């Protein structure tokens, strides 16, 4: 079964709606440049009220490893999702407050070899592949070109766990799963009414679309 992460949670109602719909993980964005930014204390107040068996993921862009660890420990996060090229192998292994997911954006400089090298140097085997847009680390609403996504997931399957992100929404997630067969899918803007505010009908439809695709993947 394809795992589902709803990212950019900013309030308790959206968190509970995501869990009720069937999400496996919630993402909390700690980048102050993001319209989905949430203060660590607010995230903690939401996380404390979640039902059991929901994974909580911190999204980090500009924070140094020490700050990442502090937020992970404060919010009791399960995973730290590291965006941006600044998270070199050395910085990634310094994150010990939670298991690491390293984000790779499929821009002009992206190569499969970069994923192989990073994994070999760090031992990290969880990767999120996101669409590229200059100046935006994620949540762009853009999709990875289908043929490229197929190649990425095929070539990295033996390296580790692949999570697909980038412009996924109820209308296109089924096709993506059937073509690419990722371990998990990640959506933020695809289930929003406005940046940082989820549309609960879209969340339910997204989860239903994933479950339907799993029947044929």
Protein backbone atom coordinates (compact mmCIF):
# COMPACT_ATOMS: atom_id res chain seq x y z
CA UNK A 1 0.00 0.00 0.00
CA UNK A 2 1.31 3.42 -0.96
CA UNK A 3 1.95 5.59 2.09
CA UNK A 4 0.42 9.07 2.16
CA UNK A 5 1.93 12.24 3.60
CA UNK A 6 -0.08 15.45 3.87
CA UNK A 7 2.42 18.27 4.20
CA UNK A 8 2.17 21.87 5.33
CA UNK A 9 -0.10 21.30 8.32
CA UNK A 10 -0.68 24.57 10.19
CA UNK A 11 -3.71 23.95 12.40
CA UNK A 12 -5.42 21.17 14.41
CA UNK A 13 -8.50 20.89 12.17
CA UNK A 14 -6.43 20.09 9.09
CA UNK A 15 -4.29 17.64 11.04
CA UNK A 16 -7.28 15.67 12.35
CA UNK A 17 -9.02 15.77 8.98
CA UNK A 18 -5.90 14.30 7.36
CA UNK A 19 -5.66 11.53 9.94
CA UNK A 20 -9.36 10.73 9.69
CA UNK A 21 -9.13 10.53 5.90
CA UNK A 22 -6.35 7.96 6.16
CA UNK A 23 -3.03 9.82 5.93
CA UNK A 24 -0.02 7.96 7.28
CA UNK A 25 2.14 11.01 7.94
CA UNK A 26 1.80 14.75 8.51
CA UNK A 27 4.39 17.33 7.54
CA UNK A 28 5.14 20.46 9.56
CA UNK A 29 7.10 23.17 7.74
CA UNK A 30 9.64 25.00 9.89
CA UNK A 31 11.01 27.21 7.11
CA UNK A 32 10.13 30.81 7.90
CA UNK A 33 10.15 31.63 4.19
CA UNK A 34 7.23 29.28 3.55
CA UNK A 35 3.54 30.32 3.57
CA UNK A 36 3.03 27.04 5.47
CA UNK A 37 5.46 27.95 8.25
CA UNK A 38 4.49 26.78 11.71
CA UNK A 39 6.15 27.65 14.99
CA UNK A 40 7.61 24.63 16.79
CA UNK A 41 5.46 25.24 19.86
CA UNK A 42 2.32 25.30 17.74
CA UNK A 43 3.36 22.12 15.97
CA UNK A 44 3.90 20.42 19.32
CA UNK A 45 0.43 21.42 20.51
CA UNK A 46 -1.03 19.74 17.40
CA UNK A 47 1.18 16.65 17.57
CA UNK A 48 0.22 16.02 21.19
CA UNK A 49 -3.43 15.64 20.13
CA UNK A 50 -2.88 13.27 17.19
CA UNK A 51 -4.12 9.67 17.24
CA UNK A 52 -1.52 6.88 17.51
CA UNK A 53 0.43 5.45 14.55
CA UNK A 54 0.72 8.78 12.69
CA UNK A 55 4.26 9.73 11.68
CA UNK A 56 5.22 13.37 12.17
CA UNK A 57 7.71 14.91 9.76
CA UNK A 58 9.58 18.19 10.14
CA UNK A 59 10.39 20.09 6.95
CA UNK A 60 13.68 22.00 7.17
CA UNK A 61 15.31 24.36 4.67
CA UNK A 62 17.55 26.97 6.28
CA UNK A 63 18.19 25.52 9.74
CA UNK A 64 21.59 24.24 10.81
CA UNK A 65 21.77 20.69 12.24
CA UNK A 66 21.75 21.86 15.87
CA UNK A 67 18.50 23.75 15.35
CA UNK A 68 17.00 20.83 13.43
CA UNK A 69 17.82 18.53 16.36
CA UNK A 70 16.34 20.96 18.87
CA UNK A 71 13.06 21.22 16.96
CA UNK A 72 12.91 17.46 16.41
CA UNK A 73 13.34 16.83 20.12
CA UNK A 74 10.90 19.55 21.18
CA UNK A 75 8.17 18.44 18.77
CA UNK A 76 8.84 14.71 19.15
CA UNK A 77 9.22 14.33 15.40
CA UNK A 78 9.72 10.94 13.79
CA UNK A 79 11.45 12.22 10.67
CA UNK A 80 13.41 15.25 9.49
CA UNK A 81 12.92 16.15 5.83
CA UNK A 82 15.98 18.08 4.68
CA UNK A 83 15.52 20.41 1.71
CA UNK A 84 18.11 22.41 -0.19
CA UNK A 85 21.60 21.58 -1.29
CA UNK A 86 23.04 23.10 1.89
CA UNK A 87 22.38 19.78 3.64
CA UNK A 88 25.62 18.16 2.59
CA UNK A 89 26.53 14.66 3.71
CA UNK A 90 28.36 16.11 6.72
CA UNK A 91 25.37 18.20 7.84
CA UNK A 92 22.85 15.44 7.19
CA UNK A 93 24.64 12.94 9.44
CA UNK A 94 24.75 15.60 12.16
CA UNK A 95 20.94 15.45 12.34
CA UNK A 96 20.29 12.86 15.03
CA UNK A 97 16.98 14.03 16.52
CA UNK A 98 14.98 12.03 13.98
CA UNK A 99 15.42 9.74 11.00
CA UNK A 100 16.40 11.73 7.91
CA UNK A 101 14.63 12.02 4.57
CA UNK A 102 16.86 13.83 2.07
CA UNK A 103 15.08 15.84 -0.63
CA UNK A 104 16.37 15.95 -4.18
CA UNK A 105 14.85 18.41 -6.63
CA UNK A 106 14.88 17.30 -10.25
CA UNK A 107 16.48 20.46 -11.63
CA UNK A 108 19.11 20.90 -14.35
CA UNK A 109 21.92 19.74 -12.04
CA UNK A 110 20.16 16.63 -10.73
CA UNK A 111 21.77 13.25 -11.35
CA UNK A 112 21.10 9.74 -10.10
CA UNK A 113 24.78 9.55 -9.19
CA UNK A 114 24.24 12.35 -6.68
CA UNK A 115 21.70 10.17 -4.87
CA UNK A 116 24.04 7.17 -4.92
CA UNK A 117 26.97 9.21 -3.59
CA UNK A 118 24.93 10.88 -0.86
CA UNK A 119 23.57 7.54 0.34
CA UNK A 120 27.00 5.91 0.28
CA UNK A 121 28.51 8.77 2.32
CA UNK A 122 25.73 9.02 4.90
CA UNK A 123 23.96 5.67 5.10
CA UNK A 124 20.70 7.57 4.53
CA UNK A 125 18.29 5.55 2.41
CA UNK A 126 15.07 7.61 2.42
CA UNK A 127 14.67 10.12 -0.40
CA UNK A 128 11.96 12.50 -1.51
CA UNK A 129 12.01 13.57 -5.16
CA UNK A 130 10.36 16.92 -5.85
CA UNK A 131 9.81 19.09 -8.90
CA UNK A 132 12.24 21.94 -9.47
CA UNK A 133 11.39 25.61 -9.56
CA UNK A 134 14.13 28.25 -9.05
CA UNK A 135 13.97 29.93 -5.67
CA UNK A 136 11.37 27.56 -4.20
CA UNK A 137 12.49 24.53 -2.16
CA UNK A 138 9.09 22.81 -2.37
CA UNK A 139 5.33 23.20 -2.44
CA UNK A 140 5.48 24.68 -5.94
CA UNK A 141 2.55 22.80 -7.42
CA UNK A 142 4.77 21.73 -10.31
CA UNK A 143 5.06 18.07 -11.30
CA UNK A 144 8.07 15.98 -12.25
CA UNK A 145 7.95 15.03 -15.93
CA UNK A 146 6.58 11.48 -16.12
CA UNK A 147 9.41 9.87 -18.07
CA UNK A 148 12.00 11.44 -15.78
CA UNK A 149 10.13 10.29 -12.68
CA UNK A 150 9.97 6.73 -14.00
CA UNK A 151 13.73 6.73 -14.59
CA UNK A 152 14.50 8.18 -11.16
CA UNK A 153 12.42 5.65 -9.26
CA UNK A 154 13.63 2.74 -11.33
CA UNK A 155 17.30 3.67 -10.93
CA UNK A 156 17.09 4.46 -7.20
CA UNK A 157 14.93 1.51 -6.15
CA UNK A 158 17.97 -0.50 -5.03
CA UNK A 159 19.45 2.48 -3.17
CA UNK A 160 16.58 3.15 -0.79
CA UNK A 161 13.01 4.27 -0.29
CA UNK A 162 11.55 6.75 -2.77
CA UNK A 163 8.84 9.29 -2.00
CA UNK A 164 7.18 11.15 -4.87
CA UNK A 165 6.25 14.83 -4.49
CA UNK A 166 5.59 17.74 -6.79
CA UNK A 167 2.16 18.88 -7.94
CA UNK A 168 0.30 15.78 -6.79
CA UNK A 169 -3.45 16.21 -6.35
CA UNK A 170 -6.58 14.04 -6.40
CA UNK A 171 -6.81 14.29 -10.19
CA UNK A 172 -3.30 13.01 -11.03
CA UNK A 173 -2.02 10.93 -8.11
CA UNK A 174 -3.59 7.66 -9.32
CA UNK A 175 -1.80 7.79 -12.65
CA UNK A 176 1.48 8.68 -10.93
CA UNK A 177 1.22 5.66 -8.65
CA UNK A 178 0.40 3.29 -11.49
CA UNK A 179 3.32 4.52 -13.59
CA UNK A 180 6.00 5.05 -10.94
CA UNK A 181 5.00 2.84 -8.01
CA UNK A 182 6.59 4.98 -5.27
CA UNK A 183 6.79 3.88 -1.66
CA UNK A 184 4.90 7.04 -0.67
CA UNK A 185 3.32 10.18 -2.11
CA UNK A 186 3.52 13.66 -0.63
CA UNK A 187 1.14 16.55 -1.23
CA UNK A 188 0.77 20.08 0.13
CA UNK A 189 -0.63 22.59 -2.37
CA UNK A 190 -2.60 19.82 -4.11
CA UNK A 191 -5.07 19.58 -1.21
CA UNK A 192 -5.28 23.25 -0.23
CA UNK A 193 -7.89 25.97 -0.56
CA UNK A 194 -5.19 28.60 0.09
CA UNK A 195 -1.50 28.18 1.06
CA UNK A 196 -1.44 26.75 4.57
CA UNK A 197 -5.16 25.94 4.70
CA UNK A 198 -6.33 22.50 3.62
CA UNK A 199 -9.49 21.63 1.75
CA UNK A 200 -10.85 18.61 3.61
CA UNK A 201 -12.77 17.30 0.59
CA UNK A 202 -9.57 17.38 -1.44
CA UNK A 203 -7.73 15.48 1.30
CA UNK A 204 -10.40 12.76 1.31
CA UNK A 205 -10.40 12.57 -2.48
CA UNK A 206 -6.61 12.38 -2.56
CA UNK A 207 -6.55 9.47 -0.12
CA UNK A 208 -9.33 7.68 -1.99
CA UNK A 209 -7.45 8.13 -5.28
CA UNK A 210 -4.31 6.61 -3.76
CA UNK A 211 -6.20 3.63 -2.39
CA UNK A 212 -7.93 3.10 -5.73
CA UNK A 213 -4.61 3.19 -7.59
CA UNK A 214 -3.17 0.62 -5.19
CA UNK A 215 -5.72 -1.90 -6.43
CA UNK A 216 -4.09 -1.86 -9.86
CA UNK A 217 -0.47 -0.81 -9.20
